[in-house]
N, C-alpha and C. Protein backbone atom coordinates (compact mmCIF):
# COMPACT_ATOMS: atom_id res chain seq x y z
N UNK A 1 17.71 45.01 -11.09
CA UNK A 1 18.69 43.98 -11.34
C UNK A 1 20.08 44.52 -11.02
N UNK A 2 20.93 43.65 -10.54
CA UNK A 2 22.29 44.07 -10.24
C UNK A 2 23.15 44.02 -11.49
N UNK A 3 24.31 44.65 -11.40
CA UNK A 3 25.22 44.66 -12.54
C UNK A 3 25.72 43.27 -12.90
N UNK A 4 25.93 42.42 -11.87
CA UNK A 4 26.39 41.06 -12.12
C UNK A 4 25.35 40.26 -12.89
N UNK A 5 24.10 40.45 -12.55
CA UNK A 5 23.03 39.74 -13.24
C UNK A 5 22.88 40.23 -14.68
N UNK A 6 23.01 41.53 -14.89
CA UNK A 6 22.95 42.08 -16.25
C UNK A 6 24.10 41.56 -17.09
N UNK A 7 25.29 41.48 -16.49
CA UNK A 7 26.45 40.98 -17.22
C UNK A 7 26.27 39.51 -17.59
N UNK A 8 25.73 38.72 -16.66
CA UNK A 8 25.51 37.31 -16.94
C UNK A 8 24.46 37.15 -18.03
N UNK A 9 23.40 37.94 -17.99
CA UNK A 9 22.37 37.86 -19.03
C UNK A 9 22.94 38.24 -20.39
N UNK A 10 23.81 39.25 -20.45
CA UNK A 10 24.39 39.63 -21.74
C UNK A 10 25.36 38.57 -22.23
N UNK A 11 26.07 37.90 -21.32
CA UNK A 11 26.97 36.82 -21.73
C UNK A 11 26.18 35.65 -22.29
N UNK A 12 25.07 35.31 -21.65
CA UNK A 12 24.23 34.22 -22.14
C UNK A 12 23.69 34.58 -23.52
N UNK A 13 23.26 35.82 -23.70
CA UNK A 13 22.75 36.25 -25.00
C UNK A 13 23.84 36.17 -26.06
N UNK A 14 25.07 36.58 -25.71
CA UNK A 14 26.19 36.51 -26.64
C UNK A 14 26.49 35.06 -27.00
N UNK A 15 26.49 34.16 -26.03
CA UNK A 15 26.73 32.75 -26.29
C UNK A 15 25.65 32.17 -27.21
N UNK A 16 24.40 32.56 -26.99
CA UNK A 16 23.33 32.08 -27.86
C UNK A 16 23.54 32.59 -29.28
N UNK A 17 24.02 33.82 -29.44
CA UNK A 17 24.29 34.35 -30.77
C UNK A 17 25.38 33.56 -31.48
N UNK A 18 26.43 33.18 -30.74
CA UNK A 18 27.50 32.38 -31.33
C UNK A 18 26.94 31.03 -31.77
N UNK A 19 26.13 30.42 -30.94
CA UNK A 19 25.53 29.14 -31.29
C UNK A 19 24.64 29.25 -32.52
N UNK A 20 23.91 30.33 -32.63
CA UNK A 20 23.05 30.54 -33.79
C UNK A 20 23.88 30.65 -35.06
N UNK A 21 24.99 31.37 -34.99
CA UNK A 21 25.87 31.51 -36.16
C UNK A 21 26.51 30.17 -36.54
N UNK A 22 26.99 29.44 -35.56
CA UNK A 22 27.58 28.12 -35.84
C UNK A 22 26.52 27.21 -36.45
N UNK A 23 25.31 27.24 -35.90
CA UNK A 23 24.23 26.40 -36.39
C UNK A 23 23.90 26.71 -37.85
N UNK A 24 23.71 27.98 -38.16
CA UNK A 24 23.29 28.33 -39.53
C UNK A 24 24.40 28.10 -40.55
N UNK A 25 25.63 28.45 -40.21
CA UNK A 25 26.73 28.28 -41.16
C UNK A 25 27.05 26.79 -41.34
N UNK A 26 27.01 26.01 -40.28
CA UNK A 26 27.26 24.58 -40.39
C UNK A 26 26.22 23.91 -41.28
N UNK A 27 24.96 24.28 -41.11
CA UNK A 27 23.91 23.71 -41.95
C UNK A 27 24.14 24.07 -43.42
N UNK A 28 24.53 25.30 -43.68
CA UNK A 28 24.81 25.72 -45.05
C UNK A 28 26.01 24.96 -45.62
N UNK A 29 27.03 24.74 -44.81
CA UNK A 29 28.22 24.05 -45.29
C UNK A 29 27.96 22.56 -45.57
N UNK A 30 27.02 21.95 -44.86
CA UNK A 30 26.61 20.58 -45.20
C UNK A 30 26.06 20.58 -46.62
N UNK A 31 25.22 21.55 -46.93
CA UNK A 31 24.68 21.67 -48.28
C UNK A 31 25.74 21.93 -49.33
N UNK A 32 26.72 22.74 -49.01
CA UNK A 32 27.82 23.02 -49.94
C UNK A 32 28.60 21.74 -50.23
N UNK A 33 28.93 21.00 -49.19
CA UNK A 33 29.68 19.74 -49.38
C UNK A 33 28.90 18.77 -50.27
N UNK A 34 27.62 18.62 -50.01
CA UNK A 34 26.81 17.69 -50.81
C UNK A 34 26.68 18.16 -52.25
N UNK A 35 26.58 19.47 -52.45
CA UNK A 35 26.50 20.01 -53.81
C UNK A 35 27.78 19.75 -54.58
N UNK A 36 28.91 19.98 -53.95
CA UNK A 36 30.19 19.75 -54.62
C UNK A 36 30.39 18.27 -54.92
N UNK A 37 29.96 17.39 -54.03
CA UNK A 37 30.02 15.95 -54.31
C UNK A 37 29.23 15.64 -55.59
N UNK A 38 28.03 16.20 -55.70
CA UNK A 38 27.21 15.98 -56.89
C UNK A 38 27.85 16.53 -58.16
N UNK A 39 28.43 17.71 -58.07
CA UNK A 39 29.08 18.31 -59.24
C UNK A 39 30.28 17.48 -59.68
N UNK A 40 31.08 17.03 -58.73
CA UNK A 40 32.25 16.21 -59.08
C UNK A 40 31.80 14.90 -59.71
N UNK A 41 30.72 14.31 -59.21
CA UNK A 41 30.21 13.07 -59.80
C UNK A 41 29.78 13.29 -61.25
N UNK A 42 29.15 14.41 -61.52
CA UNK A 42 28.72 14.71 -62.90
C UNK A 42 29.92 14.90 -63.80
N UNK A 43 30.94 15.61 -63.33
CA UNK A 43 32.12 15.90 -64.14
C UNK A 43 32.90 14.63 -64.46
N UNK A 44 33.06 13.74 -63.51
CA UNK A 44 33.91 12.56 -63.74
C UNK A 44 33.15 11.35 -64.26
N UNK A 45 31.84 11.45 -64.36
CA UNK A 45 31.05 10.29 -64.79
C UNK A 45 31.46 9.80 -66.18
N UNK A 46 31.73 10.71 -67.09
CA UNK A 46 32.12 10.33 -68.44
C UNK A 46 33.52 9.77 -68.52
N UNK A 47 34.32 9.99 -67.49
CA UNK A 47 35.71 9.52 -67.50
C UNK A 47 35.88 8.15 -66.86
N UNK A 48 34.81 7.59 -66.35
CA UNK A 48 34.83 6.28 -65.68
C UNK A 48 35.93 6.21 -64.63
N UNK A 49 36.01 7.24 -63.81
CA UNK A 49 36.98 7.30 -62.73
C UNK A 49 36.24 7.60 -61.43
N UNK A 50 36.91 7.37 -60.35
CA UNK A 50 36.37 7.73 -59.04
C UNK A 50 37.31 8.72 -58.40
N UNK A 51 36.86 9.36 -57.35
CA UNK A 51 37.70 10.35 -56.71
C UNK A 51 37.65 10.22 -55.19
N UNK A 52 38.79 10.41 -54.58
CA UNK A 52 38.86 10.41 -53.13
C UNK A 52 38.28 11.69 -52.54
N UNK A 53 38.21 12.74 -53.35
CA UNK A 53 37.68 14.02 -52.87
C UNK A 53 36.25 13.86 -52.40
N UNK A 54 35.47 13.06 -53.10
CA UNK A 54 34.09 12.83 -52.67
C UNK A 54 34.03 12.22 -51.27
N UNK A 55 34.94 11.30 -51.00
CA UNK A 55 35.00 10.69 -49.67
C UNK A 55 35.38 11.74 -48.62
N UNK A 56 36.37 12.57 -48.95
CA UNK A 56 36.79 13.63 -48.03
C UNK A 56 35.66 14.63 -47.79
N UNK A 57 34.93 14.98 -48.84
CA UNK A 57 33.81 15.92 -48.70
C UNK A 57 32.68 15.32 -47.87
N UNK A 58 32.45 14.02 -48.00
CA UNK A 58 31.42 13.37 -47.20
C UNK A 58 31.82 13.39 -45.71
N UNK A 59 33.09 13.16 -45.42
CA UNK A 59 33.56 13.25 -44.03
C UNK A 59 33.40 14.67 -43.52
N UNK A 60 33.74 15.65 -44.36
CA UNK A 60 33.62 17.05 -43.97
C UNK A 60 32.16 17.44 -43.73
N UNK A 61 31.26 16.95 -44.58
CA UNK A 61 29.84 17.22 -44.38
C UNK A 61 29.37 16.64 -43.05
N UNK A 62 29.88 15.47 -42.69
CA UNK A 62 29.53 14.85 -41.42
C UNK A 62 30.05 15.68 -40.24
N UNK A 63 31.27 16.24 -40.37
CA UNK A 63 31.80 17.11 -39.31
C UNK A 63 30.95 18.36 -39.15
N UNK A 64 30.54 18.96 -40.27
CA UNK A 64 29.66 20.12 -40.19
C UNK A 64 28.31 19.76 -39.57
N UNK A 65 27.81 18.58 -39.88
CA UNK A 65 26.55 18.14 -39.29
C UNK A 65 26.69 17.97 -37.77
N UNK A 66 27.79 17.40 -37.32
CA UNK A 66 28.04 17.27 -35.89
C UNK A 66 28.07 18.64 -35.23
N UNK A 67 28.75 19.58 -35.85
CA UNK A 67 28.82 20.95 -35.32
C UNK A 67 27.44 21.58 -35.26
N UNK A 68 26.64 21.36 -36.28
CA UNK A 68 25.29 21.90 -36.34
C UNK A 68 24.43 21.32 -35.21
N UNK A 69 24.49 20.03 -35.01
CA UNK A 69 23.71 19.37 -33.96
C UNK A 69 24.15 19.84 -32.58
N UNK A 70 25.46 19.94 -32.37
CA UNK A 70 25.97 20.39 -31.07
C UNK A 70 25.55 21.83 -30.77
N UNK A 71 25.61 22.69 -31.77
CA UNK A 71 25.22 24.09 -31.53
C UNK A 71 23.72 24.18 -31.24
N UNK A 72 22.92 23.37 -31.91
CA UNK A 72 21.49 23.36 -31.62
C UNK A 72 21.24 22.86 -30.19
N UNK A 73 21.96 21.82 -29.80
CA UNK A 73 21.85 21.28 -28.46
C UNK A 73 22.26 22.32 -27.42
N UNK A 74 23.32 23.08 -27.71
CA UNK A 74 23.77 24.12 -26.78
C UNK A 74 22.70 25.20 -26.62
N UNK A 75 22.02 25.55 -27.70
CA UNK A 75 20.96 26.57 -27.62
C UNK A 75 19.79 26.08 -26.77
N UNK A 76 19.57 24.79 -26.73
CA UNK A 76 18.44 24.22 -26.00
C UNK A 76 18.72 24.02 -24.51
N UNK A 77 19.99 24.11 -24.12
CA UNK A 77 20.36 23.89 -22.71
C UNK A 77 19.94 25.09 -21.87
N UNK A 78 19.49 24.81 -20.67
CA UNK A 78 19.10 25.88 -19.75
C UNK A 78 20.25 26.31 -18.87
N UNK A 79 21.16 25.41 -18.59
CA UNK A 79 22.30 25.70 -17.72
C UNK A 79 23.38 26.45 -18.53
N UNK A 80 23.78 27.60 -18.04
CA UNK A 80 24.79 28.41 -18.73
C UNK A 80 26.10 27.64 -18.85
N UNK A 81 26.53 26.97 -17.78
CA UNK A 81 27.80 26.26 -17.79
C UNK A 81 27.78 25.14 -18.82
N UNK A 82 26.70 24.38 -18.83
CA UNK A 82 26.57 23.27 -19.77
C UNK A 82 26.49 23.79 -21.21
N UNK A 83 25.74 24.87 -21.42
CA UNK A 83 25.61 25.47 -22.74
C UNK A 83 26.98 25.90 -23.26
N UNK A 84 27.77 26.51 -22.38
CA UNK A 84 29.08 27.00 -22.77
C UNK A 84 30.01 25.84 -23.15
N UNK A 85 29.95 24.73 -22.42
CA UNK A 85 30.78 23.57 -22.73
C UNK A 85 30.42 22.99 -24.09
N UNK A 86 29.15 22.82 -24.34
CA UNK A 86 28.71 22.25 -25.62
C UNK A 86 29.04 23.19 -26.76
N UNK A 87 28.86 24.49 -26.52
CA UNK A 87 29.17 25.49 -27.56
C UNK A 87 30.65 25.47 -27.92
N UNK A 88 31.51 25.28 -26.95
CA UNK A 88 32.96 25.22 -27.23
C UNK A 88 33.30 24.00 -28.07
N UNK A 89 32.66 22.87 -27.79
CA UNK A 89 32.89 21.67 -28.59
C UNK A 89 32.39 21.90 -30.02
N UNK A 90 31.20 22.47 -30.15
CA UNK A 90 30.66 22.77 -31.49
C UNK A 90 31.59 23.71 -32.25
N UNK A 91 32.13 24.70 -31.56
CA UNK A 91 33.04 25.65 -32.18
C UNK A 91 34.31 24.94 -32.65
N UNK A 92 34.85 24.05 -31.83
CA UNK A 92 36.05 23.31 -32.21
C UNK A 92 35.83 22.41 -33.41
N UNK A 93 34.71 21.70 -33.41
CA UNK A 93 34.38 20.82 -34.55
C UNK A 93 34.18 21.65 -35.81
N UNK A 94 33.52 22.80 -35.66
CA UNK A 94 33.31 23.69 -36.81
C UNK A 94 34.63 24.17 -37.39
N UNK A 95 35.55 24.60 -36.54
CA UNK A 95 36.85 25.06 -37.02
C UNK A 95 37.65 23.93 -37.68
N UNK A 96 37.58 22.73 -37.12
CA UNK A 96 38.23 21.57 -37.72
C UNK A 96 37.66 21.30 -39.12
N UNK A 97 36.34 21.35 -39.23
CA UNK A 97 35.69 21.11 -40.53
C UNK A 97 36.07 22.19 -41.54
N UNK A 98 36.19 23.44 -41.09
CA UNK A 98 36.58 24.52 -42.01
C UNK A 98 38.02 24.32 -42.50
N UNK A 99 38.92 23.94 -41.61
CA UNK A 99 40.31 23.68 -42.01
C UNK A 99 40.35 22.51 -42.99
N UNK A 100 39.58 21.47 -42.72
CA UNK A 100 39.53 20.32 -43.62
C UNK A 100 38.97 20.73 -44.98
N UNK A 101 38.00 21.65 -44.99
CA UNK A 101 37.45 22.14 -46.25
C UNK A 101 38.51 22.87 -47.07
N UNK A 102 39.34 23.65 -46.41
CA UNK A 102 40.41 24.37 -47.12
C UNK A 102 41.42 23.37 -47.70
N UNK A 103 41.74 22.32 -46.94
CA UNK A 103 42.65 21.30 -47.45
C UNK A 103 42.05 20.61 -48.67
N UNK A 104 40.77 20.30 -48.62
CA UNK A 104 40.09 19.67 -49.76
C UNK A 104 40.12 20.59 -50.97
N UNK A 105 39.85 21.88 -50.76
CA UNK A 105 39.89 22.83 -51.87
C UNK A 105 41.30 22.90 -52.47
N UNK A 106 42.31 22.83 -51.63
CA UNK A 106 43.69 22.80 -52.13
C UNK A 106 43.96 21.56 -52.96
N UNK A 107 43.45 20.41 -52.52
CA UNK A 107 43.62 19.18 -53.29
C UNK A 107 42.91 19.26 -54.64
N UNK A 108 41.70 19.82 -54.65
CA UNK A 108 40.97 19.96 -55.91
C UNK A 108 41.72 20.89 -56.85
N UNK A 109 42.22 22.00 -56.33
CA UNK A 109 42.97 22.96 -57.16
C UNK A 109 44.24 22.31 -57.70
N UNK A 110 44.96 21.58 -56.85
CA UNK A 110 46.16 20.88 -57.28
C UNK A 110 45.83 19.88 -58.38
N UNK A 111 44.75 19.14 -58.21
CA UNK A 111 44.37 18.13 -59.18
C UNK A 111 43.97 18.76 -60.51
N UNK A 112 43.25 19.86 -60.47
CA UNK A 112 42.86 20.53 -61.71
C UNK A 112 44.09 21.07 -62.42
N UNK A 113 45.04 21.60 -61.68
CA UNK A 113 46.25 22.18 -62.27
C UNK A 113 47.14 21.13 -62.92
N UNK A 114 47.19 19.93 -62.35
CA UNK A 114 48.10 18.91 -62.84
C UNK A 114 47.38 17.76 -63.52
N UNK A 115 46.13 17.95 -63.92
CA UNK A 115 45.37 16.99 -64.74
C UNK A 115 45.42 15.56 -64.21
N UNK A 116 44.52 15.25 -63.36
CA UNK A 116 44.34 13.90 -62.82
C UNK A 116 45.57 13.39 -62.09
N UNK A 117 45.89 14.02 -61.04
CA UNK A 117 47.01 13.55 -60.22
C UNK A 117 46.63 12.24 -59.54
N UNK A 118 47.60 11.54 -59.06
CA UNK A 118 47.36 10.26 -58.41
C UNK A 118 46.67 10.43 -57.06
N UNK A 119 46.64 11.64 -56.52
CA UNK A 119 46.04 11.87 -55.21
C UNK A 119 44.51 11.75 -55.21
N UNK A 120 43.89 12.14 -56.30
CA UNK A 120 42.44 12.27 -56.26
C UNK A 120 41.68 11.27 -57.14
N UNK A 121 42.23 10.93 -58.27
CA UNK A 121 41.49 10.08 -59.18
C UNK A 121 42.11 8.69 -59.26
N UNK A 122 41.26 7.71 -59.31
CA UNK A 122 41.74 6.35 -59.52
C UNK A 122 40.71 5.62 -60.37
N UNK A 123 41.16 4.66 -61.11
CA UNK A 123 40.30 3.92 -62.04
C UNK A 123 39.60 2.79 -61.35
């Protein structure tokens, strides 16, 4: 094999590894979002209130699911160019979902600190 072919094979292997990591972490984060939605529902059930955080977490879970599906699709592609394009989209969606998760965590922390702020809870 030539050096160019070895380099291309190692790049494809590296791209598959990135897709595997995005796939596994995205799937785990979908579970985290759903778990937190359930916990928040249990905590606020006695207060007869609703929260916007659950809606935000559901959107975030959906973004993680999109990232998970795209990374799986990228792993299944045979064309290196096509795999790389799909992997970049999955990576971008994953990063967007992670940033959104941090914003949601900040809102939850703010709400806990200031006892039912108008941002998260409504009757």
